[in-house]
């Protein structure tokens, strides 16, 4: 599973970082970033929760 953040939609609310700090972080401009490598299975549920909790719907999992 991979995490994709739509940079045009992200507004830096950091909800994802609060829910799953192992996967999400904020860049120097205050927008979410995620490791685009394969997501370890132990973080999949938290990443799904972060994606559905994003107020801008900027996160997709594939």
C-alpha atoms as a PDB file:
ATOM      1  CA  UNK A   1       0.000   0.000   0.000  1.00  0.00           C
ATOM      2  CA  UNK A   2       1.206   3.506  -0.834  1.00  0.00           C
ATOM      3  CA  UNK A   3       0.195   6.891   0.526  1.00  0.00           C
ATOM      4  CA  UNK A   4      -0.376   9.778  -1.881  1.00  0.00           C
ATOM      5  CA  UNK A   5      -0.974  13.348  -0.734  1.00  0.00           C
ATOM      6  CA  UNK A   6      -2.548  15.781  -3.182  1.00  0.00           C
ATOM      7  CA  UNK A   7      -0.363  18.839  -2.682  1.00  0.00           C
ATOM      8  CA  UNK A   8      -2.992  21.087  -4.244  1.00  0.00           C
ATOM      9  CA  UNK A   9      -5.618  20.036  -1.694  1.00  0.00           C
ATOM     10  CA  UNK A  10      -3.520  19.872   1.499  1.00  0.00           C
ATOM     11  CA  UNK A  11      -3.915  22.960   3.679  1.00  0.00           C
ATOM     12  CA  UNK A  12      -1.640  21.886   6.527  1.00  0.00           C
ATOM     13  CA  UNK A  13      -4.266  21.054   9.144  1.00  0.00           C
ATOM     14  CA  UNK A  14      -1.908  18.281  10.389  1.00  0.00           C
ATOM     15  CA  UNK A  15      -4.737  15.929  11.351  1.00  0.00           C
ATOM     16  CA  UNK A  16      -2.867  13.119   9.595  1.00  0.00           C
ATOM     17  CA  UNK A  17       0.295  13.859  11.589  1.00  0.00           C
ATOM     18  CA  UNK A  18      -1.643  13.682  14.833  1.00  0.00           C
ATOM     19  CA  UNK A  19      -3.314  10.380  13.938  1.00  0.00           C
ATOM     20  CA  UNK A  20      -0.328   8.618  12.371  1.00  0.00           C
ATOM     21  CA  UNK A  21       2.988  10.401  13.030  1.00  0.00           C
ATOM     22  CA  UNK A  22       4.886   7.272  11.950  1.00  0.00           C
ATOM     23  CA  UNK A  23       3.785   7.905   8.352  1.00  0.00           C
ATOM     24  CA  UNK A  24       2.923  11.609   8.066  1.00  0.00           C
ATOM     25  CA  UNK A  25       4.974  14.710   8.772  1.00  0.00           C
ATOM     26  CA  UNK A  26       4.871  18.388   7.830  1.00  0.00           C
ATOM     27  CA  UNK A  27       7.385  19.877   5.427  1.00  0.00           C
ATOM     28  CA  UNK A  28       9.108  23.218   5.987  1.00  0.00           C
ATOM     29  CA  UNK A  29       6.116  25.011   4.439  1.00  0.00           C
ATOM     30  CA  UNK A  30       3.669  23.362   6.861  1.00  0.00           C
ATOM     31  CA  UNK A  31       2.095  20.878   4.433  1.00  0.00           C
ATOM     32  CA  UNK A  32       1.764  17.138   4.891  1.00  0.00           C
ATOM     33  CA  UNK A  33       4.291  14.742   3.441  1.00  0.00           C
ATOM     34  CA  UNK A  34       4.434  10.973   3.615  1.00  0.00           C
ATOM     35  CA  UNK A  35       6.901   8.287   2.731  1.00  0.00           C
ATOM     36  CA  UNK A  36       5.784   7.132  -0.723  1.00  0.00           C
ATOM     37  CA  UNK A  37       7.455   3.754  -0.354  1.00  0.00           C
ATOM     38  CA  UNK A  38       5.303   0.783   0.518  1.00  0.00           C
ATOM     39  CA  UNK A  39       3.479   1.345   3.778  1.00  0.00           C
ATOM     40  CA  UNK A  40       4.280  -1.263   6.449  1.00  0.00           C
ATOM     41  CA  UNK A  41       1.157  -3.316   7.252  1.00  0.00           C
ATOM     42  CA  UNK A  42       1.268  -2.289  10.922  1.00  0.00           C
ATOM     43  CA  UNK A  43       0.507   1.326   9.906  1.00  0.00           C
ATOM     44  CA  UNK A  44      -2.226   0.638   7.337  1.00  0.00           C
ATOM     45  CA  UNK A  45      -5.197   1.097   9.671  1.00  0.00           C
ATOM     46  CA  UNK A  46      -3.845   4.339  11.133  1.00  0.00           C
ATOM     47  CA  UNK A  47      -3.099   5.645   7.622  1.00  0.00           C
ATOM     48  CA  UNK A  48      -6.670   4.809   6.545  1.00  0.00           C
ATOM     49  CA  UNK A  49      -8.014   6.670   9.571  1.00  0.00           C
ATOM     50  CA  UNK A  50      -5.815   9.652   8.726  1.00  0.00           C
ATOM     51  CA  UNK A  51      -7.028   9.632   5.115  1.00  0.00           C
ATOM     52  CA  UNK A  52     -10.695   9.575   6.080  1.00  0.00           C
ATOM     53  CA  UNK A  53     -10.110  12.229   8.755  1.00  0.00           C
ATOM     54  CA  UNK A  54      -8.388  14.696   6.436  1.00  0.00           C
ATOM     55  CA  UNK A  55     -10.707  17.736   6.215  1.00  0.00           C
ATOM     56  CA  UNK A  56      -9.495  18.475   2.673  1.00  0.00           C
ATOM     57  CA  UNK A  57      -9.621  14.827   1.490  1.00  0.00           C
ATOM     58  CA  UNK A  58      -6.037  15.238   0.279  1.00  0.00           C
ATOM     59  CA  UNK A  59      -4.865  11.710   1.155  1.00  0.00           C
ATOM     60  CA  UNK A  60      -5.411   8.601  -0.917  1.00  0.00           C
ATOM     61  CA  UNK A  61      -4.149   5.088  -0.346  1.00  0.00           C
ATOM     62  CA  UNK A  62      -3.395   2.759  -3.223  1.00  0.00           C
END
